[in-house]
Amino acid sequence: MKRPGPESRLAQRTVWVLPTLATLLLGLFQSPHPELWRDELASVDASSRSIGQLFDLLGNVDASTGFYYVVLHFWTAVFGDSPAVLRLPSVLAMAGAAACVALTGRRLFGRWAGICGGLLFALVPSISRYGQEARAYAFAVCAVALATLLLLRALDGATARVPDERAPRIPEQGPTDVRRKTSWGRWVGYGAALLLIGLCHIVALACLAGHLVLLLLHWLRTRDNRALRWWAGNVVAALALLSPLVVLGQSQVGNQLNWLQAPSLAHPGTTLKWMLASLFASTGVTVLFLVLSLFALLLRRRYRDQLLFVVASVVLPILAILVISRLGTSYWLGRYLMFTLPAWSVLAGAGTIAVARLLADRLAPGSRRVRRRIFAGATALSVAVAVLVGYSDQAAIRSYTSHSDTLYPRIWPGSDWDYQGVARVLKQHARSGDGVYYGGSPIYFAGAGVEFYLDGAVRLDQFLVTRPAAETGSYSPGYCTDVSACVAKAPDRVWLVTAPDRPGPEDSKALRALLGSGTFKVTARYSMDNVVLTLVERKG
């Protein structure tokens, strides 16, 4: 086999470099602009604690996110905790996922399919949305994309890349001596990637359904029992290591996901429609990916096994989570299924190449040069269409309150708090030593949000708090049991941060003690999105 020259080596690097750079730049663009929402504030709160306090918290809540919190703890200790810095690990993870998507697409369908799949992945609005989120979803997407690539490499069993842009069927095992030299390391890497998936998001282990299909297809072609044993051993080992986390996480899930309803089967089309729109964060991009995925079926004769594997990686995890959500705890949420987007993108990349080749062959059957131009033009056109249909959604997911719109493009009204607006008013009008009470439902993290954006500019006295949240093993602080006595010792000026339509468990006691005693009077009130900031001052 002729070794590829310098140009082909450059072309091979382009397969993953272009999608990685595109994903990175889109992830960095305006990443600090959206306000941190409550889940991100939970990340800030948890990661700011000492390791001991963090593990106390994880023993009670959010154990399934603990690995990410630990990573963020050390990250912020080194680089700080500005919004851009908090979100940068997710940006980098999505960029890494793009590289894996492109390399997977190349390995299955050829170089151009890899480039197109990687670029289409970068252009999915939800990839930027959750690439700019201080949560673990981008880590899970990257881990699944990496595990899939490593599994393909493990089944390949050889180190050489395929130089032909039209990749062969799913790679077969190489000679026995090569397998013995290289396969075990790749299988160990795959097992480590599975462990990483579970640490980032247990639900993402549903990707194993697609991986199993790949193993079965490989076995049908090669009758290689050793690969099946390696795969099963890795899965069993990963699940065994993750079992304590699964048990602990399951014991906490009732309090955290009780708001999430099971998917309705009364109107399955509508259920799937809104799920996919939320998964892609765009109705237009959803339609485009579905169309391109159908075009990929044009490759069924030459790439039957590859198509079966990628379609299974898209369909089976979604079906598995649908069934689980119907039978027990519901996980039917767009961001929980984001780990399927690498497979969606590989499939869409294959569809792009299929329709481009069809057009080239039909329009210029006798001229190789013209066919190449038509092929390149059709390929570029599909990427341009992805840019156009997703443009408005790309703008929307970078708006100020966009991170609170967790079901976008469906809007969940009243889910955002204007923490930054409250902090801005307090910086202008509050005095050091003023009292403050952060009310509202604890799930909105009013105190954590306002204090984050205050950034120490004004020191306020949380006079009703007897124990900070970091010492309670939860996200809620310990409150004074004798509210009247604490109010009697309150500062002369107190700021109330409340949301009347979503009161917290301490709101009625605090407000009654402050406003019902006749000791304080309201002197100012500021209204912002879903939050009211009130200044009360002691009479006389």
Protein backbone atom coordinates (compact mmCIF):
# COMPACT_ATOMS: atom_id res chain seq x y z
CA MET A 1 0.00 0.00 0.00
CA LYS A 2 1.36 3.42 -0.98
CA ARG A 3 1.97 5.68 1.96
CA PRO A 4 -0.04 8.91 1.83
CA GLY A 5 1.94 12.00 0.92
CA PRO A 6 2.07 15.32 2.74
CA GLU A 7 -1.15 16.59 1.15
CA SER A 8 -3.15 13.54 2.17
CA ARG A 9 -1.79 13.78 5.69
CA LEU A 10 -2.96 17.40 5.80
CA ALA A 11 -6.33 16.32 4.47
CA GLN A 12 -6.59 13.66 7.15
CA ARG A 13 -5.93 16.24 9.84
CA THR A 14 -8.54 18.53 8.27
CA VAL A 15 -11.15 15.86 8.96
CA TRP A 16 -11.11 16.61 12.68
CA VAL A 17 -9.40 20.03 12.84
CA LEU A 18 -12.14 21.98 11.03
CA PRO A 19 -15.06 20.60 13.09
CA THR A 20 -13.08 21.01 16.32
CA LEU A 21 -12.26 24.65 15.58
CA ALA A 22 -15.83 25.39 14.49
CA THR A 23 -17.25 23.89 17.67
CA LEU A 24 -14.69 25.68 19.82
CA LEU A 25 -15.31 29.09 18.24
CA LEU A 26 -19.09 28.73 18.39
CA GLY A 27 -18.81 27.62 22.01
CA LEU A 28 -16.66 30.59 22.98
CA PHE A 29 -18.81 33.12 21.12
CA GLN A 30 -20.78 35.13 23.72
CA SER A 31 -20.39 32.39 26.31
CA PRO A 32 -20.39 34.83 29.27
CA HIS A 33 -23.54 36.64 28.12
CA PRO A 34 -26.36 34.31 29.27
CA GLU A 35 -27.07 34.64 32.97
CA LEU A 36 -26.19 31.65 35.12
CA TRP A 37 -29.38 29.74 35.83
CA ARG A 38 -30.23 27.66 38.86
CA ASP A 39 -28.51 24.42 37.79
CA GLU A 40 -25.32 26.30 36.99
CA LEU A 41 -25.58 28.06 40.35
CA ALA A 42 -25.76 24.63 41.97
CA SER A 43 -22.46 23.86 40.21
CA VAL A 44 -20.96 27.10 41.51
CA ASP A 45 -22.20 26.43 45.04
CA ALA A 46 -21.00 22.82 45.12
CA SER A 47 -17.61 23.42 43.52
CA SER A 48 -16.84 26.33 45.85
CA ARG A 49 -16.97 24.07 48.92
CA SER A 50 -14.07 22.21 50.42
CA ILE A 51 -13.70 18.60 49.30
CA GLY A 52 -15.03 17.40 52.66
CA GLN A 53 -18.07 19.67 52.44
CA LEU A 54 -18.62 18.64 48.83
CA PHE A 55 -18.74 14.94 49.70
CA ASP A 56 -21.13 15.71 52.57
CA LEU A 57 -23.39 17.36 49.98
CA LEU A 58 -23.11 14.47 47.53
CA GLY A 59 -24.16 12.05 50.24
CA ASN A 60 -27.54 13.81 50.29
CA VAL A 61 -28.06 15.22 46.80
CA ASP A 62 -26.55 15.36 43.31
CA ALA A 63 -24.31 12.30 43.70
CA SER A 64 -24.67 11.61 39.97
CA THR A 65 -23.06 14.99 39.22
CA GLY A 66 -20.30 14.60 41.79
CA PHE A 67 -17.49 13.86 39.34
CA TYR A 68 -18.18 17.09 37.46
CA TYR A 69 -18.31 19.06 40.71
CA VAL A 70 -14.90 17.73 41.72
CA VAL A 71 -13.45 18.67 38.32
CA LEU A 72 -14.98 22.14 38.56
CA HIS A 73 -13.69 22.53 42.13
CA PHE A 74 -10.07 22.19 41.02
CA TRP A 75 -10.66 24.11 37.78
CA THR A 76 -12.03 27.19 39.57
CA ALA A 77 -9.32 26.98 42.23
CA VAL A 78 -6.78 27.57 39.46
CA PHE A 79 -8.63 29.78 36.95
CA GLY A 80 -11.34 31.57 38.96
CA ASP A 81 -15.11 31.47 38.65
CA SER A 82 -16.18 34.06 36.09
CA PRO A 83 -19.04 32.86 33.82
CA ALA A 84 -16.65 32.42 30.87
CA VAL A 85 -14.20 30.37 32.97
CA LEU A 86 -16.97 28.27 34.52
CA ARG A 87 -18.26 27.35 31.07
CA LEU A 88 -14.90 26.81 29.38
CA PRO A 89 -14.53 23.11 30.37
CA SER A 90 -17.84 22.39 28.63
CA VAL A 91 -16.71 24.30 25.55
CA LEU A 92 -13.53 22.22 25.41
CA ALA A 93 -15.46 18.99 25.94
CA MET A 94 -17.80 19.74 23.02
CA ALA A 95 -14.81 20.57 20.83
CA GLY A 96 -13.30 17.20 21.75
CA ALA A 97 -16.60 15.51 20.93
CA ALA A 98 -16.58 17.17 17.49
CA ALA A 99 -13.15 15.68 16.77
CA CYS A 100 -14.40 12.22 17.75
CA VAL A 101 -17.52 12.62 15.61
CA ALA A 102 -15.44 13.56 12.57
CA LEU A 103 -13.01 10.68 13.05
CA THR A 104 -15.88 8.23 13.58
CA GLY A 105 -17.61 9.45 10.43
CA ARG A 106 -14.39 9.06 8.45
CA ARG A 107 -13.79 5.57 9.77
CA LEU A 108 -17.32 4.46 8.85
CA PHE A 109 -18.18 6.40 5.68
CA GLY A 110 -15.04 8.16 4.46
CA ARG A 111 -13.18 11.43 4.82
CA TRP A 112 -15.83 13.79 3.46
CA ALA A 113 -18.56 12.20 5.54
CA GLY A 114 -16.36 12.73 8.59
CA ILE A 115 -15.81 16.42 7.83
CA CYS A 116 -19.51 17.02 7.11
CA GLY A 117 -20.64 15.09 10.18
CA GLY A 118 -18.26 17.03 12.40
CA LEU A 119 -19.32 20.40 10.98
CA LEU A 120 -23.01 19.54 11.25
CA PHE A 121 -22.39 18.54 14.86
CA ALA A 122 -20.79 21.94 15.51
CA LEU A 123 -23.81 23.72 13.97
CA VAL A 124 -26.46 22.04 16.15
CA PRO A 125 -27.71 24.87 18.43
CA SER A 126 -27.93 22.63 21.51
CA ILE A 127 -24.23 21.78 21.11
CA SER A 128 -23.40 25.44 21.63
CA ARG A 129 -26.12 25.81 24.27
CA TYR A 130 -24.79 23.02 26.48
CA GLY A 131 -21.23 23.72 25.46
CA GLN A 132 -21.81 27.03 27.26
CA GLU A 133 -23.32 25.44 30.34
CA ALA A 134 -21.53 24.86 33.63
CA ARG A 135 -22.93 21.34 33.90
CA ALA A 136 -21.76 17.86 32.94
CA TYR A 137 -23.78 17.34 29.73
CA ALA A 138 -20.94 18.31 27.39
CA PHE A 139 -18.64 15.92 29.27
CA ALA A 140 -21.14 13.10 28.72
CA VAL A 141 -21.44 13.87 25.01
CA CYS A 142 -17.66 13.87 24.64
CA ALA A 143 -17.30 10.64 26.64
CA VAL A 144 -19.87 8.83 24.46
CA ALA A 145 -18.28 10.09 21.23
CA LEU A 146 -14.85 9.02 22.51
CA ALA A 147 -16.08 5.58 23.61
CA THR A 148 -17.65 4.97 20.21
CA LEU A 149 -14.44 5.88 18.40
CA LEU A 150 -12.35 3.74 20.74
CA LEU A 151 -14.69 0.80 20.23
CA LEU A 152 -14.29 1.06 16.47
CA ARG A 153 -10.53 1.20 16.88
CA ALA A 154 -10.57 -1.78 19.21
CA LEU A 155 -12.52 -3.80 16.64
CA ASP A 156 -10.17 -2.64 13.93
CA GLY A 157 -7.21 -4.12 15.81
CA ALA A 158 -4.66 -2.40 13.53
CA THR A 159 -2.91 0.93 13.64
CA ALA A 160 -3.09 1.95 9.97
CA ARG A 161 -5.70 4.44 8.83
CA VAL A 162 -7.85 3.89 5.72
CA PRO A 163 -6.53 6.17 2.95
CA ASP A 164 -9.54 5.83 0.64
CA GLU A 165 -12.20 8.49 1.17
CA ARG A 166 -14.84 5.78 0.63
CA ALA A 167 -14.26 3.80 3.81
CA PRO A 168 -14.78 0.04 3.79
CA ARG A 169 -17.23 -1.86 5.92
CA ILE A 170 -16.85 -1.90 9.67
CA PRO A 171 -13.14 -2.67 10.14
CA GLU A 172 -12.24 -6.27 10.69
CA GLN A 173 -9.56 -7.65 12.94
CA GLY A 174 -6.05 -7.56 11.53
CA PRO A 175 -3.50 -10.37 11.69
CA THR A 176 -3.21 -12.29 14.94
CA ASP A 177 0.19 -10.85 15.89
CA VAL A 178 -1.08 -7.27 15.40
CA ARG A 179 -4.14 -7.92 17.50
CA ARG A 180 -2.11 -9.27 20.38
CA LYS A 181 0.12 -6.25 20.27
CA THR A 182 -2.50 -3.50 20.00
CA SER A 183 -6.04 -4.63 20.87
CA TRP A 184 -5.78 -4.89 24.64
CA GLY A 185 -4.73 -1.26 25.03
CA ARG A 186 -7.63 -0.09 22.92
CA TRP A 187 -10.07 -2.21 24.90
CA VAL A 188 -8.74 -0.79 28.16
CA GLY A 189 -9.20 2.69 26.72
CA TYR A 190 -12.77 1.83 25.76
CA GLY A 191 -13.48 0.55 29.27
CA ALA A 192 -12.10 3.77 30.76
CA ALA A 193 -14.36 5.77 28.44
CA LEU A 194 -17.39 3.79 29.64
CA LEU A 195 -16.46 4.58 33.22
CA LEU A 196 -16.18 8.25 32.29
CA ILE A 197 -19.64 8.17 30.71
CA GLY A 198 -21.17 6.83 33.92
CA LEU A 199 -19.34 9.38 36.05
CA CYS A 200 -20.59 12.21 33.86
CA HIS A 201 -24.18 11.05 33.34
CA ILE A 202 -25.50 7.60 34.16
CA VAL A 203 -28.35 7.93 31.65
CA ALA A 204 -25.81 8.23 28.82
CA LEU A 205 -24.83 4.58 29.34
CA ALA A 206 -27.87 3.84 27.17
CA CYS A 207 -25.36 4.27 24.31
CA LEU A 208 -24.37 0.65 25.07
CA ALA A 209 -27.44 -0.45 23.10
CA GLY A 210 -25.86 0.87 19.92
CA HIS A 211 -22.46 -0.54 20.85
CA LEU A 212 -23.98 -3.98 21.30
CA VAL A 213 -25.37 -3.85 17.77
CA LEU A 214 -21.88 -3.02 16.49
CA LEU A 215 -20.43 -6.02 18.34
CA LEU A 216 -23.07 -8.34 16.94
CA LEU A 217 -22.47 -7.11 13.39
CA HIS A 218 -18.75 -7.62 13.87
CA TRP A 219 -19.28 -11.12 15.22
CA LEU A 220 -21.55 -12.07 12.31
CA ARG A 221 -18.77 -11.09 9.92
CA THR A 222 -15.79 -12.52 11.78
CA ARG A 223 -17.13 -15.01 14.36
CA ASP A 224 -14.60 -13.38 16.70
CA ASN A 225 -15.65 -14.42 20.21
CA ARG A 226 -12.68 -12.64 21.74
CA ALA A 227 -14.09 -9.23 20.85
CA LEU A 228 -17.41 -10.13 22.48
CA ARG A 229 -15.59 -11.22 25.64
CA TRP A 230 -13.53 -8.04 25.74
CA TRP A 231 -16.65 -5.90 25.29
CA ALA A 232 -18.70 -7.76 27.89
CA GLY A 233 -15.81 -7.66 30.35
CA ASN A 234 -15.44 -3.90 29.94
CA VAL A 235 -19.17 -3.34 30.39
CA VAL A 236 -19.36 -5.53 33.49
CA ALA A 237 -16.26 -3.89 35.00
CA ALA A 238 -17.55 -0.38 34.35
CA LEU A 239 -20.98 -1.14 35.77
CA ALA A 240 -19.44 -2.80 38.83
CA LEU A 241 -17.28 0.23 39.53
CA LEU A 242 -20.24 2.54 38.98
CA SER A 243 -22.73 0.50 41.04
CA PRO A 244 -22.23 2.46 44.31
CA LEU A 245 -22.86 5.70 42.42
CA VAL A 246 -25.94 4.20 40.73
CA VAL A 247 -27.39 3.03 44.06
CA LEU A 248 -26.72 6.35 45.79
CA GLY A 249 -27.99 8.36 42.84
CA GLN A 250 -31.16 6.29 42.60
CA SER A 251 -31.88 6.91 46.27
CA GLN A 252 -31.77 10.66 45.60
CA VAL A 253 -33.54 10.76 42.27
CA GLY A 254 -37.06 11.01 43.66
CA ASN A 255 -36.40 14.42 45.18
CA GLN A 256 -34.61 15.75 42.12
CA LEU A 257 -36.68 14.50 39.18
CA ASN A 258 -40.17 14.40 40.65
CA TRP A 259 -41.10 17.37 38.44
CA LEU A 260 -40.35 15.44 35.23
CA GLN A 261 -43.40 13.73 33.75
CA ALA A 262 -43.36 10.43 31.90
CA PRO A 263 -43.67 10.74 28.12
CA SER A 264 -47.24 10.55 26.90
CA LEU A 265 -48.13 7.83 24.40
CA ALA A 266 -51.57 9.27 23.71
CA HIS A 267 -50.03 11.42 20.96
CA PRO A 268 -46.67 9.76 20.23
CA GLY A 269 -45.95 12.00 17.24
CA THR A 270 -46.24 15.15 19.34
CA THR A 271 -44.19 13.60 22.16
CA LEU A 272 -41.37 12.72 19.78
CA LYS A 273 -41.60 16.04 17.94
CA TRP A 274 -41.05 18.13 21.05
CA MET A 275 -38.38 15.80 22.34
CA LEU A 276 -36.35 16.10 19.15
CA ALA A 277 -36.87 19.87 18.97
CA SER A 278 -35.57 20.17 22.53
CA LEU A 279 -32.71 17.77 21.79
CA PHE A 280 -31.49 19.89 18.86
CA ALA A 281 -32.72 23.22 20.35
CA SER A 282 -34.14 23.95 16.90
CA THR A 283 -37.12 22.76 14.92
CA GLY A 284 -35.44 23.60 11.62
CA VAL A 285 -32.21 21.76 12.39
CA THR A 286 -34.24 18.76 13.58
CA VAL A 287 -36.00 18.57 10.20
CA LEU A 288 -32.70 18.97 8.35
CA PHE A 289 -31.07 16.12 10.29
CA LEU A 290 -34.07 13.86 9.72
CA VAL A 291 -33.97 14.54 5.98
CA LEU A 292 -30.20 13.96 5.78
CA SER A 293 -30.58 10.78 7.81
CA LEU A 294 -33.10 9.49 5.26
CA PHE A 295 -30.68 10.34 2.45
CA ALA A 296 -28.08 8.20 4.22
CA LEU A 297 -30.20 5.17 3.31
CA LEU A 298 -28.97 5.65 -0.25
CA LEU A 299 -25.71 4.11 1.02
CA ARG A 300 -27.38 0.94 2.29
CA ARG A 301 -25.86 -1.36 -0.33
CA ARG A 302 -22.25 -0.30 0.15
CA TYR A 303 -22.41 0.61 3.84
CA ARG A 304 -25.14 -1.63 5.23
CA ASP A 305 -23.40 -2.54 8.50
CA GLN A 306 -22.30 1.02 9.19
CA LEU A 307 -25.84 2.30 8.70
CA LEU A 308 -27.30 -0.37 10.95
CA PHE A 309 -24.84 0.54 13.67
CA VAL A 310 -25.37 4.32 13.48
CA VAL A 311 -29.15 4.09 13.20
CA ALA A 312 -29.16 1.76 16.21
CA SER A 313 -27.03 4.28 18.12
CA VAL A 314 -29.68 6.92 17.44
CA VAL A 315 -32.88 4.92 17.87
CA LEU A 316 -32.22 2.30 20.55
CA PRO A 317 -31.03 4.64 23.37
CA ILE A 318 -34.06 6.89 22.81
CA LEU A 319 -36.40 3.90 22.89
CA ALA A 320 -34.68 2.53 25.99
CA ILE A 321 -35.10 5.80 27.87
CA LEU A 322 -38.69 6.08 26.68
CA VAL A 323 -39.48 2.64 28.13
CA ILE A 324 -37.62 3.33 31.38
CA SER A 325 -39.40 6.67 31.74
CA ARG A 326 -42.76 4.98 31.29
CA LEU A 327 -42.06 2.21 33.80
CA GLY A 328 -40.25 4.14 36.54
CA THR A 329 -38.45 7.42 37.07
CA SER A 330 -38.78 9.66 34.02
CA TYR A 331 -35.62 10.77 32.22
CA TRP A 332 -37.52 12.02 29.18
CA LEU A 333 -35.74 15.32 28.75
CA GLY A 334 -33.91 16.71 25.74
CA ARG A 335 -30.63 17.42 27.48
CA TYR A 336 -30.56 13.91 28.95
CA LEU A 337 -30.53 12.52 25.40
CA MET A 338 -27.80 14.79 24.07
CA PHE A 339 -25.35 11.89 24.07
CA THR A 340 -27.12 10.65 20.90
CA LEU A 341 -26.13 13.76 18.93
CA PRO A 342 -22.72 12.36 17.86
CA ALA A 343 -24.52 9.44 16.18
CA TRP A 344 -27.11 11.79 14.66
CA SER A 345 -24.27 13.88 13.22
CA VAL A 346 -22.40 10.91 11.75
CA LEU A 347 -25.64 9.77 10.12
CA ALA A 348 -26.37 13.28 8.77
CA GLY A 349 -22.81 13.51 7.44
CA ALA A 350 -23.28 10.22 5.60
CA GLY A 351 -26.58 11.49 4.18
CA THR A 352 -24.90 14.65 2.94
CA ILE A 353 -22.29 12.65 1.06
CA ALA A 354 -24.92 10.29 -0.34
CA VAL A 355 -27.03 13.04 -1.89
CA ALA A 356 -23.93 14.93 -3.09
CA ARG A 357 -22.66 11.83 -4.91
CA LEU A 358 -26.09 11.15 -6.36
CA LEU A 359 -26.30 14.68 -7.77
CA ALA A 360 -22.76 14.52 -9.13
CA ASP A 361 -23.35 11.18 -10.85
CA ARG A 362 -26.67 12.26 -12.34
CA LEU A 363 -25.65 15.74 -13.51
CA ALA A 364 -22.16 14.98 -14.83
CA PRO A 365 -21.83 11.26 -15.58
CA GLY A 366 -19.01 11.71 -18.09
CA SER A 367 -16.74 14.29 -16.46
CA ARG A 368 -14.81 13.45 -13.32
CA ARG A 369 -13.77 17.07 -12.77
CA VAL A 370 -17.33 18.37 -13.02
CA ARG A 371 -18.55 15.61 -10.74
CA ARG A 372 -16.04 16.70 -8.12
CA ARG A 373 -17.21 20.29 -8.35
CA ILE A 374 -20.85 19.32 -8.06
CA PHE A 375 -20.02 17.03 -5.15
CA ALA A 376 -18.12 19.80 -3.35
CA GLY A 377 -20.90 22.32 -4.06
CA ALA A 378 -23.66 20.04 -2.81
CA THR A 379 -21.66 19.24 0.32
CA ALA A 380 -21.01 22.90 1.06
CA LEU A 381 -24.67 23.68 0.40
CA SER A 382 -25.86 21.25 3.08
CA VAL A 383 -23.56 22.86 5.63
CA ALA A 384 -24.76 26.32 4.55
CA VAL A 385 -28.38 25.20 4.96
CA ALA A 386 -27.55 24.06 8.50
CA VAL A 387 -26.14 27.53 9.21
CA LEU A 388 -29.24 29.25 7.83
CA VAL A 389 -31.93 27.11 9.46
CA GLY A 390 -30.17 27.24 12.82
CA TYR A 391 -29.18 30.91 12.79
CA SER A 392 -32.14 32.27 14.75
CA ASP A 393 -31.83 29.47 17.30
CA GLN A 394 -28.10 30.12 17.66
CA ALA A 395 -28.96 33.73 18.52
CA ALA A 396 -31.76 32.70 20.90
CA ILE A 397 -29.64 30.29 22.93
CA ARG A 398 -27.20 33.14 23.62
CA SER A 399 -29.80 35.59 24.93
CA TYR A 400 -29.61 36.85 28.50
CA THR A 401 -32.23 34.49 29.97
CA SER A 402 -31.71 31.63 27.51
CA HIS A 403 -30.26 29.16 30.00
CA SER A 404 -33.49 29.22 31.99
CA ASP A 405 -35.43 28.16 28.88
CA THR A 406 -34.50 24.53 29.37
CA LEU A 407 -37.19 23.21 27.00
CA TYR A 408 -36.36 25.59 24.14
CA PRO A 409 -37.83 26.01 21.54
CA ARG A 410 -40.78 25.46 23.86
CA ILE A 411 -40.90 28.29 26.38
CA TRP A 412 -41.36 27.64 30.07
CA PRO A 413 -42.53 31.04 31.36
CA GLY A 414 -41.39 32.33 34.71
CA SER A 415 -38.42 30.00 35.09
CA ASP A 416 -35.74 32.69 35.31
CA TRP A 417 -34.63 34.97 38.12
CA ASP A 418 -32.85 38.22 37.35
CA TYR A 419 -29.98 37.63 39.80
CA GLN A 420 -27.74 40.06 37.96
CA GLY A 421 -30.40 42.77 38.01
CA VAL A 422 -30.85 42.37 41.77
CA ALA A 423 -27.09 42.52 42.28
CA ARG A 424 -26.90 45.67 40.15
CA VAL A 425 -29.49 47.46 42.31
CA LEU A 426 -27.80 46.32 45.52
CA LYS A 427 -24.44 47.62 44.29
CA GLN A 428 -26.05 51.00 43.66
CA HIS A 429 -28.21 51.37 46.77
CA ALA A 430 -27.18 48.91 49.48
CA ARG A 431 -24.77 49.79 52.27
CA SER A 432 -22.21 47.49 53.79
CA GLY A 433 -23.77 45.85 56.85
CA ASP A 434 -27.34 45.99 55.54
CA GLY A 435 -29.38 42.90 56.21
CA VAL A 436 -30.66 40.63 53.46
CA TYR A 437 -33.14 37.80 53.21
CA TYR A 438 -33.11 35.57 50.14
CA GLY A 439 -36.57 34.10 49.78
CA GLY A 440 -38.38 32.13 47.14
CA SER A 441 -38.22 28.41 46.52
CA PRO A 442 -34.76 26.99 47.35
CA ILE A 443 -34.51 25.45 43.87
CA TYR A 444 -33.97 28.92 42.41
CA PHE A 445 -30.78 29.54 44.41
CA ALA A 446 -31.61 33.20 45.01
CA GLY A 447 -28.83 33.67 47.55
CA ALA A 448 -26.19 31.90 45.49
CA GLY A 449 -27.19 33.79 42.35
CA VAL A 450 -27.26 37.28 43.83
CA GLU A 451 -24.07 36.74 45.84
CA PHE A 452 -22.28 35.45 42.73
CA TYR A 453 -23.06 38.60 40.78
CA LEU A 454 -22.39 40.84 43.76
CA ASP A 455 -18.89 39.34 43.81
CA GLY A 456 -18.15 40.82 47.23
CA ALA A 457 -18.93 44.42 46.16
CA VAL A 458 -21.31 44.85 49.13
CA ARG A 459 -21.14 42.85 52.35
CA LEU A 460 -24.66 41.99 53.45
CA ASP A 461 -25.76 40.35 56.70
CA GLN A 462 -27.95 37.26 56.27
CA PHE A 463 -29.26 37.77 59.78
CA LEU A 464 -31.78 34.89 59.66
CA VAL A 465 -29.12 32.31 58.71
CA THR A 466 -27.51 30.40 61.55
CA ARG A 467 -25.55 27.90 59.44
CA PRO A 468 -24.32 28.46 55.89
CA ALA A 469 -25.41 25.95 53.27
CA ALA A 470 -21.88 24.55 53.04
CA GLU A 471 -22.20 23.27 56.61
CA THR A 472 -25.67 21.70 56.27
CA GLY A 473 -24.84 19.06 53.66
CA SER A 474 -27.45 20.58 51.36
CA TYR A 475 -28.02 23.63 49.18
CA SER A 476 -30.18 25.35 51.82
CA PRO A 477 -28.74 27.17 54.84
CA GLY A 478 -29.91 26.63 58.39
CA TYR A 479 -32.38 29.29 59.50
CA CYS A 480 -33.02 30.86 62.88
CA THR A 481 -35.76 28.95 64.71
CA ASP A 482 -36.84 31.97 66.79
CA VAL A 483 -37.48 34.31 63.88
CA SER A 484 -38.88 37.13 66.01
CA ALA A 485 -35.77 37.21 68.19
CA CYS A 486 -33.49 37.28 65.14
CA VAL A 487 -35.55 40.05 63.52
CA ALA A 488 -35.27 42.10 66.71
CA LYS A 489 -31.48 42.02 66.27
CA ALA A 490 -31.60 42.67 62.53
CA PRO A 491 -29.79 45.63 60.97
CA ASP A 492 -31.74 48.86 60.58
CA ARG A 493 -31.99 48.32 56.82
CA VAL A 494 -33.00 44.97 55.35
CA TRP A 495 -33.29 43.93 51.70
CA LEU A 496 -35.89 41.27 50.84
CA VAL A 497 -35.30 39.23 47.68
CA THR A 498 -38.55 37.38 47.04
CA ALA A 499 -40.78 35.90 44.35
CA PRO A 500 -44.40 36.17 45.57
CA ASP A 501 -45.67 33.43 43.24
CA ARG A 502 -43.01 30.93 44.39
CA PRO A 503 -42.52 31.36 48.13
CA GLY A 504 -39.99 29.39 50.10
CA PRO A 505 -40.66 27.53 53.36
CA GLU A 506 -39.25 30.37 55.48
CA ASP A 507 -40.87 33.24 53.56
CA SER A 508 -44.08 33.61 55.55
CA LYS A 509 -42.26 33.60 58.91
CA ALA A 510 -39.63 36.09 57.80
CA LEU A 511 -41.99 38.50 56.08
CA ARG A 512 -44.53 38.36 58.90
CA ALA A 513 -41.83 39.09 61.49
CA LEU A 514 -40.37 41.96 59.48
CA LEU A 515 -43.50 43.60 58.13
CA GLY A 516 -46.15 42.56 60.62
CA SER A 517 -44.42 43.71 63.80
CA GLY A 518 -44.74 47.41 63.04
CA THR A 519 -41.00 47.84 63.63
CA PHE A 520 -40.05 48.10 59.94
CA LYS A 521 -41.56 50.02 57.06
CA VAL A 522 -41.18 49.60 53.30
CA THR A 523 -39.12 52.43 51.81
CA ALA A 524 -38.30 51.14 48.31
CA ARG A 525 -39.35 48.39 45.94
CA TYR A 526 -37.77 47.26 42.67
CA SER A 527 -39.36 44.77 40.29
CA MET A 528 -37.33 42.61 37.91
CA ASP A 529 -37.97 39.41 36.00
CA ASN A 530 -39.84 37.09 38.39
CA VAL A 531 -38.30 38.69 41.47
CA VAL A 532 -39.08 41.63 43.72
CA LEU A 533 -36.41 43.46 45.69
CA THR A 534 -37.81 45.35 48.69
CA LEU A 535 -35.99 47.62 51.13
CA VAL A 536 -37.45 47.86 54.63
CA GLU A 537 -36.07 50.18 57.31
CA ARG A 538 -36.52 50.28 61.05
CA LYS A 539 -38.92 53.01 62.15
CA GLY A 540 -37.63 55.91 64.17
